[in-house]
Protein backbone atom coordinates (compact mmCIF):
# COMPACT_ATOMS: atom_id res chain seq x y z
CA MET A 1 -26.18 5.27 20.38
CA ARG A 2 -24.62 6.97 23.38
CA GLY A 3 -22.35 5.64 26.11
CA VAL A 4 -20.96 6.89 29.43
CA ILE A 5 -17.40 7.67 30.41
CA ASP A 6 -15.98 8.12 33.92
CA GLY A 7 -17.75 10.98 35.69
CA GLY A 8 -21.09 10.30 34.02
CA HIS A 9 -20.49 12.42 30.91
CA PRO A 10 -22.06 11.02 27.74
CA ARG A 11 -19.96 10.22 24.74
CA LYS A 12 -20.79 9.09 21.23
CA VAL A 13 -20.04 5.43 20.50
CA SER A 14 -19.22 4.67 16.88
CA ARG A 15 -20.92 1.69 15.36
CA SER A 16 -18.98 -1.07 13.64
CA PRO A 17 -19.95 -1.50 9.99
CA ARG A 18 -21.85 -4.60 8.94
CA SER A 19 -20.02 -7.19 6.88
CA LEU A 20 -20.77 -6.81 3.19
CA GLY A 21 -20.82 -10.56 2.90
CA SER A 22 -23.87 -10.76 5.16
CA ASP A 23 -25.47 -7.45 4.16
CA SER A 24 -27.16 -7.73 0.77
CA LYS A 25 -28.45 -4.15 0.95
CA ALA A 26 -24.93 -2.77 1.41
CA SER A 27 -23.65 -4.89 -1.49
CA GLU A 28 -26.53 -3.58 -3.61
CA MET A 29 -25.78 0.06 -2.80
CA LEU A 30 -22.01 -0.05 -3.14
CA PRO A 31 -21.68 0.05 -6.97
CA ALA A 32 -23.91 3.16 -7.10
CA ILE A 33 -21.81 4.74 -4.35
CA VAL A 34 -18.66 4.04 -6.38
CA GLU A 35 -20.18 5.81 -9.38
CA PHE A 36 -21.11 8.73 -7.12
CA PHE A 37 -17.53 8.92 -5.90
CA ARG A 38 -16.15 8.89 -9.44
CA ALA A 39 -18.46 11.75 -10.38
CA ARG A 40 -17.86 13.91 -7.30
CA GLY A 41 -14.39 12.91 -6.05
CA PRO A 42 -13.35 12.72 -2.38
CA GLU A 43 -14.24 16.37 -1.72
CA GLY A 44 -17.91 15.91 -2.61
CA PHE A 45 -18.20 12.58 -0.84
CA SER A 46 -20.51 13.19 2.13
CA LEU A 47 -23.05 10.85 3.67
CA ALA A 48 -25.81 13.43 3.23
CA ALA A 49 -25.09 13.84 -0.48
CA ILE A 50 -24.85 10.08 -1.04
CA ALA A 51 -28.07 9.47 0.89
CA GLU A 52 -29.90 12.02 -1.25
CA GLU A 53 -28.55 10.46 -4.45
CA LEU A 54 -29.58 6.95 -3.38
CA GLY A 55 -32.93 7.95 -1.89
CA THR A 56 -32.02 6.81 1.61
CA SER A 57 -30.77 8.47 4.80
CA SER A 58 -27.38 9.13 6.38
CA ARG A 59 -28.51 7.05 9.32
CA MET A 60 -29.05 4.02 7.09
CA LEU A 61 -25.63 4.48 5.49
CA ILE A 62 -24.04 4.52 8.93
CA TYR A 63 -26.00 1.38 9.80
CA HIS A 64 -24.70 -0.48 6.76
CA PHE A 65 -21.18 0.94 6.47
CA GLY A 66 -20.24 2.52 9.82
CA GLY A 67 -19.37 6.07 8.73
CA ARG A 68 -17.90 8.19 5.94
CA ASP A 69 -14.32 6.93 6.11
CA GLU A 70 -15.34 3.31 6.56
CA LEU A 71 -17.56 3.71 3.50
CA LEU A 72 -14.67 5.29 1.60
CA SER A 73 -12.46 2.31 2.46
CA ARG A 74 -15.10 -0.05 1.03
CA VAL A 75 -15.29 2.10 -2.10
CA MET A 76 -11.49 2.06 -2.41
CA LYS A 77 -11.40 -1.72 -2.17
CA LEU A 78 -13.97 -2.10 -4.95
CA VAL A 79 -12.32 0.58 -7.12
CA ARG A 80 -8.94 -1.12 -6.76
CA ARG A 81 -10.35 -4.49 -7.77
CA ASP A 82 -12.11 -3.06 -10.83
CA THR A 83 -9.01 -1.07 -11.86
CA ILE A 84 -6.75 -4.13 -11.77
CA LEU A 85 -9.28 -6.13 -13.79
CA TYR A 86 -9.40 -3.30 -16.34
CA LEU A 87 -5.61 -3.02 -16.65
CA GLU A 88 -5.25 -6.79 -17.00
CA ASP A 89 -7.59 -6.94 -20.03
CA PRO A 90 -5.58 -8.07 -21.89
CA PRO A 91 -2.66 -8.95 -19.56
CA PRO A 92 0.44 -6.77 -20.05
CA ASP A 93 3.31 -8.47 -21.88
CA ASP A 94 6.03 -7.31 -19.48
CA VAL A 95 6.63 -5.11 -16.43
CA ASP A 96 7.33 -2.01 -18.54
CA GLU A 97 3.89 -2.25 -20.10
CA ALA A 98 2.28 -2.94 -16.71
CA ILE A 99 3.90 0.21 -15.30
CA ARG A 100 2.91 2.31 -18.32
CA ARG A 101 -0.71 1.19 -18.02
CA PHE A 102 -0.78 2.03 -14.31
CA TRP A 103 0.71 5.49 -14.85
CA SER A 104 -1.46 6.33 -17.83
CA TYR A 105 -4.64 5.21 -16.06
CA TYR A 106 -4.12 7.47 -13.05
CA ILE A 107 -2.27 10.44 -14.52
CA HIS A 108 -3.58 10.74 -18.08
CA MET A 109 -7.02 9.10 -18.09
CA GLY A 110 -8.78 11.12 -15.40
CA HIS A 111 -8.60 8.71 -12.47
CA LEU A 112 -6.28 10.65 -10.19
CA SER A 113 -9.11 11.02 -7.65
CA ASP A 114 -8.90 7.25 -7.07
CA MET A 115 -5.29 7.65 -5.95
CA GLN A 116 -6.19 10.66 -3.82
CA LEU A 117 -8.78 8.49 -2.10
CA PHE A 118 -6.15 5.82 -1.49
CA PHE A 119 -3.81 8.27 0.23
CA HIS A 120 -6.67 9.71 2.28
CA ILE A 121 -7.63 6.30 3.63
CA ALA A 122 -3.97 5.30 4.08
CA SER A 123 -3.42 8.34 6.29
CA ARG A 124 -6.48 7.44 8.36
CA ARG A 125 -5.24 3.87 8.64
CA ALA A 126 -1.96 5.18 10.07
CA GLU A 127 -3.90 7.21 12.66
CA GLU A 128 -6.47 4.55 13.56
CA PRO A 129 -5.22 1.14 12.37
CA GLU A 130 -8.01 -0.83 14.05
CA ARG A 131 -10.70 0.88 11.93
CA TYR A 132 -9.34 0.14 8.47
CA ASP A 133 -8.46 -3.54 8.36
CA ASP A 134 -10.76 -4.06 5.37
CA PHE A 135 -8.82 -1.43 3.42
CA ALA A 136 -5.39 -2.63 4.53
CA SER A 137 -6.12 -6.28 3.71
CA THR A 138 -5.95 -5.57 -0.04
CA ALA A 139 -3.97 -2.31 -0.23
CA VAL A 140 -0.77 -4.01 -1.38
CA GLU A 141 -1.51 -7.61 -2.31
CA GLY A 142 -3.64 -7.04 -5.43
CA TRP A 143 -1.23 -4.58 -7.05
CA THR A 144 1.80 -6.67 -6.10
CA GLN A 145 0.25 -9.62 -7.91
CA TYR A 146 -0.62 -7.49 -10.95
CA PHE A 147 3.02 -6.48 -11.40
CA ALA A 148 4.35 -9.90 -10.39
CA ASN A 149 2.30 -11.55 -13.15
CA ALA A 150 3.92 -9.25 -15.72
CA ILE A 151 7.40 -9.84 -14.26
CA GLU A 152 6.95 -13.62 -14.47
CA LYS A 153 6.33 -13.20 -18.21
CA ASP A 154 9.86 -11.79 -18.35
CA GLY A 155 11.19 -15.11 -17.05
CA LYS A 156 11.45 -14.49 -13.31
CA ASN A 157 10.29 -17.10 -10.84
CA SER A 158 7.31 -16.45 -8.60
CA ALA A 159 9.32 -15.51 -5.50
CA ALA A 160 11.51 -12.98 -7.33
CA ALA A 161 8.50 -11.59 -9.21
CA THR A 162 6.60 -11.02 -5.96
CA LYS A 163 9.53 -9.15 -4.40
CA LEU A 164 9.84 -6.92 -7.44
CA GLY A 165 6.08 -6.45 -7.68
CA ARG A 166 6.00 -5.15 -4.12
CA LEU A 167 8.84 -2.75 -4.89
CA VAL A 168 7.11 -1.51 -8.05
CA ILE A 169 3.81 -0.58 -6.38
CA ALA A 170 5.60 1.09 -3.46
CA ALA A 171 7.78 3.18 -5.79
CA LEU A 172 4.93 4.10 -8.15
CA ARG A 173 2.82 5.37 -5.29
CA GLY A 174 5.77 7.48 -4.19
CA ILE A 175 6.12 9.02 -7.66
CA VAL A 176 2.37 9.71 -7.72
CA VAL A 177 2.71 11.54 -4.38
CA ASP A 178 5.51 13.63 -5.91
CA TYR A 179 3.21 14.54 -8.79
CA LEU A 180 0.28 15.34 -6.48
CA VAL A 181 2.49 17.73 -4.51
CA THR A 182 4.31 19.42 -7.40
CA ARG A 183 1.88 18.96 -10.32
CA ASP A 184 5.00 18.73 -12.49
CA VAL A 185 4.23 15.80 -14.77
CA ALA A 186 7.51 16.15 -16.71
CA ASP A 187 9.64 15.74 -13.59
CA ALA A 188 7.45 12.89 -12.34
CA GLU A 189 7.79 11.05 -15.64
CA ARG A 190 11.56 11.51 -15.63
CA SER A 191 11.58 9.81 -12.24
CA LEU A 192 9.33 7.11 -13.65
CA SER A 193 11.74 6.46 -16.55
CA LEU A 194 14.72 6.18 -14.19
CA PHE A 195 12.75 3.81 -11.98
CA CYS A 196 11.87 1.59 -14.96
CA GLU A 197 15.57 1.42 -15.85
CA SER A 198 16.38 0.47 -12.26
CA ILE A 199 13.84 -2.35 -12.34
CA ARG A 200 15.39 -3.66 -15.55
CA LEU A 201 18.85 -3.67 -13.93
CA LEU A 202 17.47 -5.55 -10.94
CA MET A 203 15.86 -8.12 -13.21
CA GLU A 204 19.18 -8.67 -14.99
CA ASN A 205 21.04 -9.33 -11.72
CA ASP A 206 19.61 -12.37 -9.95
CA ALA A 207 22.07 -12.01 -7.07
CA LEU A 208 20.39 -8.76 -5.99
CA LEU A 209 17.08 -10.59 -5.57
CA GLU A 210 18.43 -13.34 -3.33
CA GLU A 211 17.77 -13.36 0.41
CA PRO A 212 20.74 -11.88 2.33
CA ALA A 213 22.75 -14.58 4.08
CA ARG A 214 22.35 -14.64 7.83
CA ALA A 215 25.30 -14.78 10.21
CA THR A 216 25.75 -18.42 11.31
CA VAL A 217 28.60 -18.10 13.82
CA PRO A 218 27.19 -18.56 17.35
CA ARG A 219 28.09 -15.97 19.94
CA LYS A 220 30.15 -18.44 21.99
CA ARG A 221 32.27 -19.37 18.99
CA ALA A 222 32.78 -15.71 18.13
CA ALA A 223 33.83 -14.96 21.72
CA ALA A 224 36.22 -17.93 21.75
CA ALA A 225 37.79 -16.80 18.49
CA LYS A 226 38.25 -13.31 19.91
CA ALA A 227 39.90 -14.70 23.08
CA ALA A 228 42.24 -16.91 21.04
CA ALA A 229 43.28 -13.98 18.90
CA ALA A 230 44.02 -11.90 21.98
CA LYS A 231 46.09 -14.74 23.48
CA ALA A 232 48.12 -15.15 20.30
CA THR A 233 49.04 -11.46 20.24
CA PRO A 234 52.42 -11.01 21.97
CA ALA A 235 52.33 -8.72 24.97
CA LYS A 236 54.34 -5.55 24.73
CA ALA A 237 57.46 -5.47 26.89
CA THR A 238 57.24 -3.17 29.89
CA PRO A 239 60.16 -0.70 29.78
CA LYS A 240 62.56 -0.92 32.72
CA PRO A 241 62.88 2.16 34.87
CA LYS A 242 66.09 4.07 34.49
CA ALA A 243 68.61 3.78 37.32
């Protein structure tokens, strides 16, 4: 489809992807596309290659998914869901085990390409937020709940567990980035150990998990107190001029 901008020059108009909920063909193709991604990684993920593998055309993929990056975001959403289900079978006994499973899955079990895909789509989301709502809608929530469930087993209430779960997934992704950049697994795992110790210290100090108290003194009362303090301060005597 082509459109027109000011001056009569044609421009390409991108097509919005169809909803998977109302597109049975897209839902049918998506698991095979996920397997293709796992075999080829992000670098080999092109519409032409996928179309050839599935016996369809790039045009049909665009019709159902909207484009390469939109398709990648759908793949990421499905991969994330399946990964969490895998790591929760059986559920981890505590947050340390939940963290170890996460780290081992991505770093030691050959699934680092999944995390590379996440960061690729996250960077595109930062550049074009309106195009990746489907990706963003589950980018944090699912993992936060995974860690929160493990934290609740350690005796924390739901609110505290959710706060810590959000911190855990944010920090783990940061350590994974460090590893992706340096490829130094020993250093990355030292950081991971220190982080696990920090989480334990947080869990042992309930006061650190409480909401910070907000200032309750209205501005008028604060101003009145300041004026009263100034009034109570004795004025300095003005020295008399010498005769």
